[in-house]
Protein backbone atom coordinates (compact mmCIF):
# COMPACT_ATOMS: atom_id res chain seq x y z
CA MET A 1 0.00 0.00 0.00
CA LYS A 2 1.33 3.42 -0.89
CA GLU A 3 2.59 5.88 1.71
CA PRO A 4 -0.16 8.10 3.17
CA LEU A 5 -0.01 11.57 1.61
CA TYR A 6 0.36 13.35 4.93
CA GLN A 7 3.58 11.37 5.47
CA HIS A 8 4.86 12.59 2.09
CA ILE A 9 4.26 16.18 3.18
CA ILE A 10 6.01 15.53 6.51
CA MET A 11 9.12 14.12 4.81
CA ASP A 12 9.31 17.04 2.36
CA LEU A 13 9.04 19.59 5.19
CA LYS A 14 11.65 17.75 7.27
CA GLN A 15 14.09 17.76 4.36
CA ALA A 16 13.45 21.46 3.77
CA ILE A 17 14.12 22.22 7.45
CA ILE A 18 17.37 20.20 7.39
CA ALA A 19 18.46 21.96 4.18
CA GLY A 20 17.88 25.35 5.80
CA THR A 21 14.99 26.33 3.56
CA TYR A 22 13.05 26.81 6.78
CA PRO A 23 15.55 27.83 9.50
CA PRO A 24 14.68 27.88 13.23
CA GLY A 25 11.95 30.43 13.95
CA SER A 26 10.77 30.60 10.36
CA LYS A 27 7.17 30.14 9.36
CA LEU A 28 6.08 27.04 7.46
CA PRO A 29 3.48 27.08 4.66
CA THR A 30 -0.11 27.23 5.88
CA GLU A 31 -2.60 24.36 5.74
CA LEU A 32 -4.17 26.02 2.70
CA ASN A 33 -0.80 26.49 0.96
CA LEU A 34 0.12 22.85 1.53
CA SER A 35 -3.27 21.54 0.41
CA GLU A 36 -2.99 23.50 -2.84
CA THR A 37 0.66 22.54 -3.42
CA TYR A 38 0.09 18.82 -2.90
CA GLY A 39 -3.47 18.63 -4.21
CA VAL A 40 -4.83 17.22 -0.95
CA SER A 41 -7.56 18.12 1.50
CA ARG A 42 -7.08 20.64 4.33
CA ILE A 43 -7.52 17.72 6.74
CA THR A 44 -4.46 15.98 5.26
CA SER A 45 -2.24 19.08 5.27
CA LYS A 46 -3.35 19.91 8.80
CA ARG A 47 -2.50 16.42 9.98
CA ALA A 48 1.04 16.76 8.59
CA LEU A 49 1.57 19.94 10.62
CA VAL A 50 0.04 18.37 13.74
CA GLU A 51 2.39 15.39 13.42
CA LEU A 52 5.40 17.73 13.16
CA GLU A 53 4.16 19.54 16.26
CA ASN A 54 3.83 16.23 18.12
CA GLU A 55 7.42 15.37 17.18
CA GLY A 56 8.58 18.67 18.69
CA ILE A 57 9.78 20.03 15.35
CA VAL A 58 7.33 22.90 14.97
CA ILE A 59 5.21 25.05 17.23
CA ARG A 60 1.73 26.06 16.11
CA VAL A 61 0.46 29.46 17.18
CA ARG A 62 -3.28 30.10 16.95
CA GLY A 63 -4.03 32.77 14.38
CA LYS A 64 -0.39 33.06 13.24
CA GLY A 65 0.68 29.72 11.82
CA SER A 66 3.31 27.01 12.28
CA PHE A 67 6.95 27.85 13.06
CA VAL A 68 10.15 25.78 13.22
CA ARG A 69 11.29 25.40 16.83
CA GLU A 70 14.58 27.06 17.77
CA LYS A 71 16.14 23.75 18.84
CA ALA A 72 14.26 21.34 16.64
CA VAL A 73 15.77 17.87 16.29
CA VAL A 74 14.70 16.54 12.91
CA SER A 75 14.79 12.84 12.11
CA GLN A 76 14.22 11.76 8.53
CA SER A 77 12.99 8.34 9.58
CA LYS A 78 9.39 7.60 8.72
CA THR A 79 6.96 7.05 11.60
CA ILE A 80 4.01 5.59 9.73
CA LYS A 81 1.33 4.54 12.17
CA LYS A 82 -0.06 1.08 11.51
CA ASP A 83 -2.75 0.70 14.17
CA VAL A 84 -6.42 1.50 13.60
CA LEU A 85 -8.47 1.91 16.79
CA PHE A 86 -12.02 0.52 17.02
CA ILE A 87 -13.86 1.83 20.09
CA LEU A 88 -16.83 -0.23 21.30
CA PRO A 89 -19.44 1.24 23.67
CA PHE A 90 -19.36 -1.63 26.18
CA PRO A 91 -16.73 -4.00 27.61
CA ASP A 92 -18.87 -6.95 26.47
CA ASN A 93 -19.21 -6.69 22.70
CA THR A 94 -21.71 -9.56 22.45
CA THR A 95 -24.58 -7.07 22.61
CA VAL A 96 -23.38 -4.87 19.74
CA GLY A 97 -22.80 -7.33 16.91
CA ASN A 98 -19.83 -8.79 15.08
CA TYR A 99 -18.54 -5.67 13.36
CA ALA A 100 -14.92 -6.73 13.83
CA GLN A 101 -15.19 -9.73 11.49
CA GLY A 102 -16.05 -7.45 8.58
CA MET A 103 -13.26 -5.05 9.54
CA PHE A 104 -10.67 -7.84 9.66
CA GLU A 105 -11.69 -9.10 6.22
CA VAL A 106 -10.89 -5.68 4.74
CA ILE A 107 -7.84 -4.68 6.78
CA GLN A 108 -5.94 -7.96 6.40
CA ALA A 109 -4.95 -7.02 2.84
CA THR A 110 -3.23 -3.84 4.09
CA HIS A 111 -0.28 -3.00 6.33
CA TYR A 112 -2.65 -1.68 9.01
CA ARG A 113 -3.62 -3.54 12.18
CA LEU A 114 -6.96 -3.40 14.01
CA GLN A 115 -7.01 -2.79 17.75
CA MET A 116 -10.35 -3.14 19.56
CA GLN A 117 -10.97 -1.41 22.87
CA PRO A 118 -14.03 -0.70 25.07
CA HIS A 119 -15.10 2.88 25.66
CA GLN A 120 -13.51 2.76 29.11
CA TYR A 121 -10.08 2.61 27.41
CA LEU A 122 -10.47 6.30 26.54
CA SER A 123 -10.53 7.30 30.22
CA ASN A 124 -6.79 6.61 30.36
CA LEU A 125 -5.96 8.51 27.17
CA ASP A 126 -5.72 12.12 26.12
CA VAL A 127 -6.75 13.01 22.58
CA LYS A 128 -3.08 13.66 21.78
CA ASP A 129 -2.31 10.07 22.79
CA ILE A 130 -4.73 8.87 20.13
CA VAL A 131 -3.18 11.23 17.56
CA GLU A 132 0.31 9.91 18.34
CA ARG A 133 -0.56 6.19 18.44
CA TYR A 134 -3.20 5.57 15.78
CA ALA A 135 -3.53 6.11 12.05
CA GLY A 136 -7.31 6.41 12.32
CA VAL A 137 -10.35 5.61 14.45
CA ILE A 138 -13.62 3.74 13.97
CA PHE A 139 -15.91 4.90 16.76
CA TYR A 140 -19.18 3.38 18.02
CA PRO A 141 -20.71 6.23 20.09
CA ARG A 142 -22.74 5.28 23.15
CA ASN A 143 -25.15 8.05 22.20
CA ASN A 144 -25.19 11.35 20.30
CA HIS A 145 -24.05 13.53 23.21
CA ASP A 146 -21.50 11.98 25.57
CA ASP A 147 -18.54 11.85 23.18
CA ILE A 148 -19.06 15.13 21.32
CA GLU A 149 -15.97 16.83 22.80
CA LEU A 150 -13.63 13.91 22.11
CA LEU A 151 -14.90 13.42 18.57
CA TYR A 152 -14.70 17.11 17.72
CA ARG A 153 -11.13 17.27 19.01
CA LEU A 154 -10.25 14.28 16.83
CA HIS A 155 -11.63 16.33 13.93
CA LEU A 156 -9.55 19.36 14.96
CA PHE A 157 -6.41 17.21 15.04
CA GLY A 158 -7.23 15.85 11.59
CA VAL A 159 -7.53 12.21 12.70
CA PRO A 160 -9.41 10.15 10.07
CA THR A 161 -12.52 8.96 11.91
CA VAL A 162 -15.57 6.92 10.91
CA LEU A 163 -18.67 6.54 13.08
CA ILE A 164 -20.58 3.29 13.24
CA ASP A 165 -24.26 2.78 14.25
CA LYS A 166 -24.91 6.52 14.67
CA LYS A 167 -24.59 9.76 12.74
CA ILE A 168 -23.80 13.00 14.58
CA ASP A 169 -24.89 15.86 12.35
CA GLN A 170 -22.57 18.45 13.88
CA LEU A 171 -19.43 16.42 13.09
CA PRO A 172 -17.91 16.09 9.60
CA PHE A 173 -17.29 12.34 9.76
CA SER A 174 -18.29 9.47 7.52
CA SER A 175 -20.73 7.05 9.14
CA VAL A 176 -22.15 3.57 8.63
CA MET A 177 -25.60 2.65 9.92
CA ALA A 178 -28.28 0.06 9.41
CA ASN A 179 -31.48 1.27 7.77
CA ASN A 180 -33.06 1.75 11.19
CA GLU A 181 -36.16 3.59 10.00
CA GLN A 182 -36.99 0.95 7.41
CA GLY A 183 -36.37 -1.80 9.97
CA ALA A 184 -38.86 -0.44 12.48
CA TYR A 185 -41.30 0.37 9.69
CA GLU A 186 -41.26 -3.25 8.51
CA ALA A 187 -41.54 -4.55 12.08
CA THR A 188 -44.59 -2.36 12.73
CA ARG A 189 -46.18 -3.29 9.40
CA HIS A 190 -45.64 -6.95 10.30
CA LEU A 191 -47.60 -6.49 13.54
CA ILE A 192 -50.34 -4.52 11.81
CA ALA A 193 -50.67 -7.31 9.24
CA GLN A 194 -51.18 -9.66 12.19
CA LYS A 195 -54.16 -7.50 13.24
CA HIS A 196 -52.45 -5.71 16.14
CA GLN A 197 -53.70 -2.16 16.67
CA LYS A 198 -52.32 -1.19 20.07
CA ILE A 199 -48.58 -1.36 19.43
CA ALA A 200 -46.10 0.19 21.87
CA PHE A 201 -42.59 1.44 21.08
CA ILE A 202 -40.25 1.22 24.08
CA ASN A 203 -36.74 2.69 24.32
CA ILE A 204 -34.37 3.40 27.19
CA ASP A 205 -32.98 6.93 26.80
CA ALA A 206 -34.75 10.06 25.58
CA ILE A 207 -35.60 9.60 21.91
CA GLY A 208 -33.22 12.33 20.72
CA LYS A 209 -30.17 10.91 22.46
CA LYS A 210 -29.39 8.20 19.90
CA SER A 211 -29.88 8.82 16.19
CA SER A 212 -30.29 5.09 15.53
CA VAL A 213 -33.16 4.75 18.03
CA ARG A 214 -34.73 8.00 16.86
CA ASP A 215 -34.81 6.65 13.30
CA ARG A 216 -36.43 3.43 14.52
CA TYR A 217 -39.10 5.46 16.30
CA PHE A 218 -39.76 7.43 13.12
CA GLY A 219 -40.21 4.17 11.19
CA TYR A 220 -42.71 3.00 13.81
CA LEU A 221 -44.66 6.28 13.57
CA LYS A 222 -44.63 6.15 9.78
CA ALA A 223 -46.17 2.68 9.72
CA LEU A 224 -48.87 3.62 12.26
CA HIS A 225 -49.72 6.77 10.33
CA GLY A 226 -50.50 4.79 7.21
CA TYR A 227 -53.24 2.93 9.12
CA GLU A 228 -54.38 5.84 11.32
CA LEU A 229 -53.30 4.02 14.50
CA GLU A 230 -52.32 5.82 17.70
CA PRO A 231 -48.74 5.54 19.00
CA TYR A 232 -47.94 4.32 22.50
CA HIS A 233 -44.45 5.46 23.43
CA PHE A 234 -42.47 4.71 26.59
CA GLU A 235 -38.94 6.03 27.14
CA GLN A 236 -36.32 7.02 29.72
CA LEU A 237 -36.41 3.63 31.39
CA ASP A 238 -34.08 1.88 33.79
CA PRO A 239 -34.07 -1.67 32.41
CA ASN A 240 -31.90 -2.87 35.31
CA ASP A 241 -34.53 -1.82 37.85
CA SER A 242 -36.75 -4.89 38.10
CA GLN A 243 -39.47 -3.04 40.00
CA PHE A 244 -39.56 -0.34 37.33
CA LEU A 245 -39.96 -2.95 34.61
CA MET A 246 -42.77 -4.65 36.53
CA THR A 247 -44.59 -1.31 36.85
CA LEU A 248 -44.17 -0.70 33.12
CA CYS A 249 -45.54 -4.15 32.30
CA THR A 250 -48.57 -3.50 34.50
CA GLU A 251 -49.20 -0.25 32.60
CA LEU A 252 -48.93 -2.03 29.25
CA GLN A 253 -51.63 -4.48 30.33
CA ARG A 254 -53.84 -1.69 31.65
CA LEU A 255 -53.69 -0.03 28.22
CA ASN A 256 -54.52 -3.35 26.52
CA ILE A 257 -51.30 -3.23 24.50
CA THR A 258 -51.09 -6.36 22.31
CA ALA A 259 -47.64 -5.84 20.79
CA ILE A 260 -44.30 -4.22 21.64
CA ILE A 261 -41.40 -3.03 19.52
CA ALA A 262 -38.33 -2.67 21.73
CA GLU A 263 -35.32 -0.46 21.03
CA ASN A 264 -33.09 -3.53 20.83
CA ASP A 265 -33.00 -7.25 21.56
CA VAL A 266 -31.55 -6.83 25.05
CA LEU A 267 -34.48 -4.65 26.13
CA ALA A 268 -36.96 -6.97 24.37
CA ILE A 269 -35.61 -9.95 26.34
CA GLN A 270 -35.80 -8.02 29.61
CA LEU A 271 -39.42 -7.11 28.87
CA ILE A 272 -40.32 -10.71 28.00
CA ASN A 273 -38.85 -11.94 31.29
CA ALA A 274 -40.70 -9.26 33.27
CA LEU A 275 -44.01 -10.01 31.51
CA LYS A 276 -43.61 -13.73 32.20
CA LYS A 277 -43.28 -12.97 35.92
CA GLN A 278 -46.74 -11.39 35.70
CA ASN A 279 -48.09 -14.52 34.00
CA VAL A 280 -48.35 -12.77 30.64
CA SER A 281 -48.07 -15.24 27.79
CA ILE A 282 -45.76 -14.32 24.90
CA PRO A 283 -47.01 -14.01 22.19
CA LYS A 284 -50.58 -15.03 23.13
CA ASP A 285 -51.19 -11.97 25.31
CA ILE A 286 -48.47 -9.60 24.07
CA ALA A 287 -46.25 -10.00 21.00
CA VAL A 288 -42.68 -8.67 21.15
CA ILE A 289 -40.20 -7.62 18.45
CA GLY A 290 -36.58 -6.65 19.11
CA PHE A 291 -33.85 -5.13 16.98
CA ASP A 292 -30.30 -6.40 16.22
CA ASN A 293 -30.66 -10.22 16.03
CA ILE A 294 -28.04 -10.93 18.69
CA GLN A 295 -27.30 -14.54 19.63
CA ALA A 296 -29.53 -14.40 22.72
CA ALA A 297 -32.57 -13.75 20.49
CA GLN A 298 -32.60 -17.47 19.65
CA LEU A 299 -31.97 -18.60 23.22
CA ILE A 300 -34.95 -16.89 24.89
CA GLU A 301 -38.31 -18.70 24.98
CA PRO A 302 -40.16 -18.00 22.83
CA HIS A 303 -37.48 -17.25 20.23
CA LEU A 304 -37.48 -13.52 19.51
CA THR A 305 -38.80 -11.98 16.31
CA THR A 306 -36.32 -9.24 15.49
CA VAL A 307 -34.86 -6.91 12.88
CA ALA A 308 -31.44 -8.19 11.84
CA GLN A 309 -28.59 -5.80 11.14
CA ASN A 310 -25.78 -6.97 8.87
CA PHE A 311 -23.01 -6.23 11.36
CA GLU A 312 -20.22 -7.73 9.25
CA GLU A 313 -21.14 -5.61 6.23
CA MET A 314 -21.32 -2.52 8.45
CA GLY A 315 -17.84 -3.30 9.77
CA SER A 316 -16.50 -3.85 6.25
CA ALA A 317 -18.04 -0.60 5.03
CA ALA A 318 -16.61 1.36 7.96
CA MET A 319 -13.11 0.00 7.34
CA ARG A 320 -13.32 0.74 3.60
CA LEU A 321 -14.32 4.33 4.35
CA LEU A 322 -11.47 4.76 6.83
CA LEU A 323 -8.86 3.29 4.47
CA ALA A 324 -10.07 5.60 1.71
CA GLU A 325 -9.46 8.57 4.00
CA LEU A 326 -6.07 7.27 5.13
CA ASP A 327 -4.93 6.79 1.53
CA GLU A 328 -6.54 10.04 0.37
CA THR A 329 -8.54 8.19 -2.30
CA SER A 330 -11.62 9.92 -0.87
CA ILE A 331 -12.02 13.18 1.01
CA GLU A 332 -15.81 13.08 0.99
CA HIS A 333 -17.69 12.27 4.17
CA ASP A 334 -19.99 9.48 3.08
CA GLN A 335 -23.07 8.18 4.88
CA VAL A 336 -23.50 4.46 4.19
CA VAL A 337 -26.86 2.85 5.00
CA VAL A 338 -26.87 -0.96 5.14
CA PRO A 339 -30.15 -2.88 4.48
CA ILE A 340 -31.92 -4.77 7.28
CA GLN A 341 -33.98 -7.98 7.40
CA LEU A 342 -37.02 -8.85 9.50
CA ILE A 343 -36.52 -12.27 11.11
CA GLU A 344 -39.88 -13.77 12.12
CA ARG A 345 -39.74 -16.17 15.05
CA ALA A 346 -42.11 -17.28 17.81
CA SER A 347 -42.56 -14.07 19.84
CA THR A 348 -45.21 -12.68 17.46
CA ARG A 349 -48.50 -14.13 16.26
CA ASN A 350 -51.54 -13.32 14.20
CA LEU A 351 -54.49 -12.13 16.30
CA LYS A 352 -56.83 -13.23 13.52
CA GLU A 353 -56.04 -16.86 14.34
CA GLU A 354 -57.60 -16.43 17.80
CA ASP A 355 -60.65 -14.73 16.26
CA ASP A 356 -61.10 -17.68 13.88
CA VAL A 357 -60.88 -20.16 16.77
CA THR A 358 -63.39 -18.12 18.80
CA ASN A 359 -65.82 -17.96 15.86
CA ASP A 360 -65.57 -21.73 15.35
């Protein structure tokens, strides 16, 4: 694989400093000058200057530019970073899908290496540590708010970054997501086709906190609207509070809810277990659909109907986007949407079947 373009700029500037073209204290070309000279993006030229600053060769002064340090020690050896960092939201990645398999399939043909770490890993790092250690980052945000500062600083440092599962509108990053809206739309249409009319959508955090969950909610609303059905929405839950879940399940029964679409499979399984404790039969009394198709969806009884995300394809797409940025074959920030698939199992049923039995 060819040398990243920012490294080419770094080597040229180092040679010019050694040759005396840029003596100590002199000003280097600006990001704009370098981007025009080399035909690259401002992100690439900025990263070259940031790398020189990290090596102690230049000092960058806000509003004035980049200057050669008075006692700069310049090494002409290349320091090409080979590690790509993949940040997962939780220590246990079994609940977020097998993205890594798709990433490995793409990265193994390159000189880069994939390093996976849980979100907690970041608590021991400064942003500059990431800049110094990693060629680029694939980031799975926990939500759309908590990591804004870190992600924006990665952007300011010019670190190639791709988001997975969520899109954060304020940040100029490429992203890869499942077609969440279409997934929830198809799940809701499936329940409506089974004659359900009181269908609840249940999510954990406030609906605006995660773009992926927000899109699922919009798909649910879109499907209901087409049949003039009323939404039943429950959010800001504590799924680890068993008493809270029991209270919620009691409320669902009071409202005569016959079907639930949960934010994800983990929540769907927690709801099924809580409903069972209240002697609610799944799916006879209440049908349940999850989202993700994690392994546990086939271990719960009854097996969970769910919307499957193609995690491997999402991982592959994220890695392809990142490599394109690293190799400067693309400077566009692309938004890739991966198709979903409704997997029908035993946690849903057709209400019409009961009507037919009753009429007989």
